[in-house]
Amino acid sequence: MWFVYLLQSFVDGKHYVGYTKNLKNRLLEHNNGKTKSLRCKLPLKIIYFEAYAHKHYATKREYELKHNSFKRKELLDRFKN
């Protein structure tokens, strides 16, 4: 099982999208500072995730959320209400 996840920073409230095979372990890696680009935004929390049977679909969805501002806004709007 592969996961696409949406993290939110407690520091500035900004979001980060990623994918992984082990969701719990990946969150621990992020919060332990193993992702350089997110070290200054710690701690992070998972606010949303989707599960996929194949890596191909997870990477495709991650790319869509990172590069399609409409799809990303559509997802983030779900959490505003």
Protein backbone atom coordinates (compact mmCIF):
# COMPACT_ATOMS: atom_id res chain seq x y z
CA MET A 1 0.00 0.00 0.00
CA TRP A 2 1.27 3.48 -0.92
CA PHE A 3 0.13 6.73 0.65
CA VAL A 4 -0.08 10.33 -0.53
CA TYR A 5 -0.13 12.61 2.48
CA LEU A 6 -0.64 16.25 3.33
CA LEU A 7 1.31 17.69 6.24
CA GLN A 8 0.76 20.97 8.02
CA SER A 9 3.39 22.88 9.96
CA PHE A 10 2.59 24.01 13.50
CA VAL A 11 5.03 26.92 13.01
CA ASP A 12 3.57 28.70 9.98
CA GLY A 13 0.51 26.64 9.01
CA LYS A 14 1.88 25.88 5.53
CA HIS A 15 1.37 22.54 3.81
CA TYR A 16 3.62 19.89 2.29
CA VAL A 17 2.63 17.00 0.01
CA GLY A 18 4.52 13.71 -0.24
CA TYR A 19 4.17 9.99 -0.80
CA THR A 20 5.48 6.96 1.05
CA LYS A 21 5.01 3.27 1.65
CA ASN A 22 5.15 3.65 5.46
CA LEU A 23 3.15 6.66 6.64
CA LYS A 24 3.97 6.43 10.35
CA ASN A 25 7.70 6.07 9.75
CA ARG A 26 7.76 8.92 7.22
CA LEU A 27 6.10 11.32 9.68
CA LEU A 28 8.71 10.38 12.29
CA GLU A 29 11.48 11.07 9.76
CA HIS A 30 10.01 14.49 8.97
CA ASN A 31 9.61 15.41 12.64
CA ASN A 32 13.13 14.21 13.47
CA GLY A 33 14.54 16.72 10.96
CA LYS A 34 15.62 14.26 8.27
CA THR A 35 14.02 16.40 5.54
CA LYS A 36 16.21 19.50 5.20
CA SER A 37 13.57 21.67 3.56
CA LEU A 38 11.13 21.13 6.44
CA ARG A 39 13.46 21.39 9.45
CA CYS A 40 12.48 25.00 10.18
CA LYS A 41 8.77 24.12 10.05
CA LEU A 42 8.77 21.45 12.76
CA PRO A 43 6.66 19.98 14.21
CA LEU A 44 4.41 18.69 11.46
CA LYS A 45 1.12 16.84 11.59
CA ILE A 46 -0.68 14.73 8.99
CA ILE A 47 -3.99 16.34 8.17
CA TYR A 48 -4.95 14.12 5.22
CA PHE A 49 -3.86 10.99 3.38
CA GLU A 50 -4.99 8.77 0.52
CA ALA A 51 -4.07 5.09 0.02
CA TYR A 52 -3.12 3.51 -3.31
CA ALA A 53 -2.41 -0.10 -4.24
CA HIS A 54 0.36 0.83 -6.70
CA LYS A 55 3.24 3.28 -6.45
CA HIS A 56 2.47 4.61 -9.94
CA TYR A 57 -0.90 6.02 -8.84
CA ALA A 58 0.52 7.51 -5.64
CA THR A 59 3.31 9.34 -7.48
CA LYS A 60 0.85 10.54 -10.11
CA ARG A 61 -1.46 11.97 -7.44
CA GLU A 62 1.45 13.57 -5.55
CA TYR A 63 2.61 15.24 -8.77
CA GLU A 64 -0.95 16.45 -9.43
CA LEU A 65 -1.22 18.04 -5.97
CA LYS A 66 2.23 19.64 -6.19
CA HIS A 67 1.86 21.04 -9.72
CA ASN A 68 -1.86 21.68 -10.21
CA SER A 69 -2.86 24.65 -8.08
CA PHE A 70 -6.58 24.02 -8.66
CA LYS A 71 -6.39 20.42 -7.37
CA ARG A 72 -4.33 21.50 -4.36
CA LYS A 73 -6.73 24.37 -3.56
CA GLU A 74 -9.68 22.00 -3.97
CA LEU A 75 -8.16 19.63 -1.40
CA LEU A 76 -7.22 22.38 1.06
CA ASP A 77 -10.71 23.91 0.82
CA ARG A 78 -12.11 20.72 2.34
CA PHE A 79 -10.37 21.58 5.61
CA LYS A 80 -11.57 25.16 5.84
CA ASN A 81 -15.20 24.21 6.42
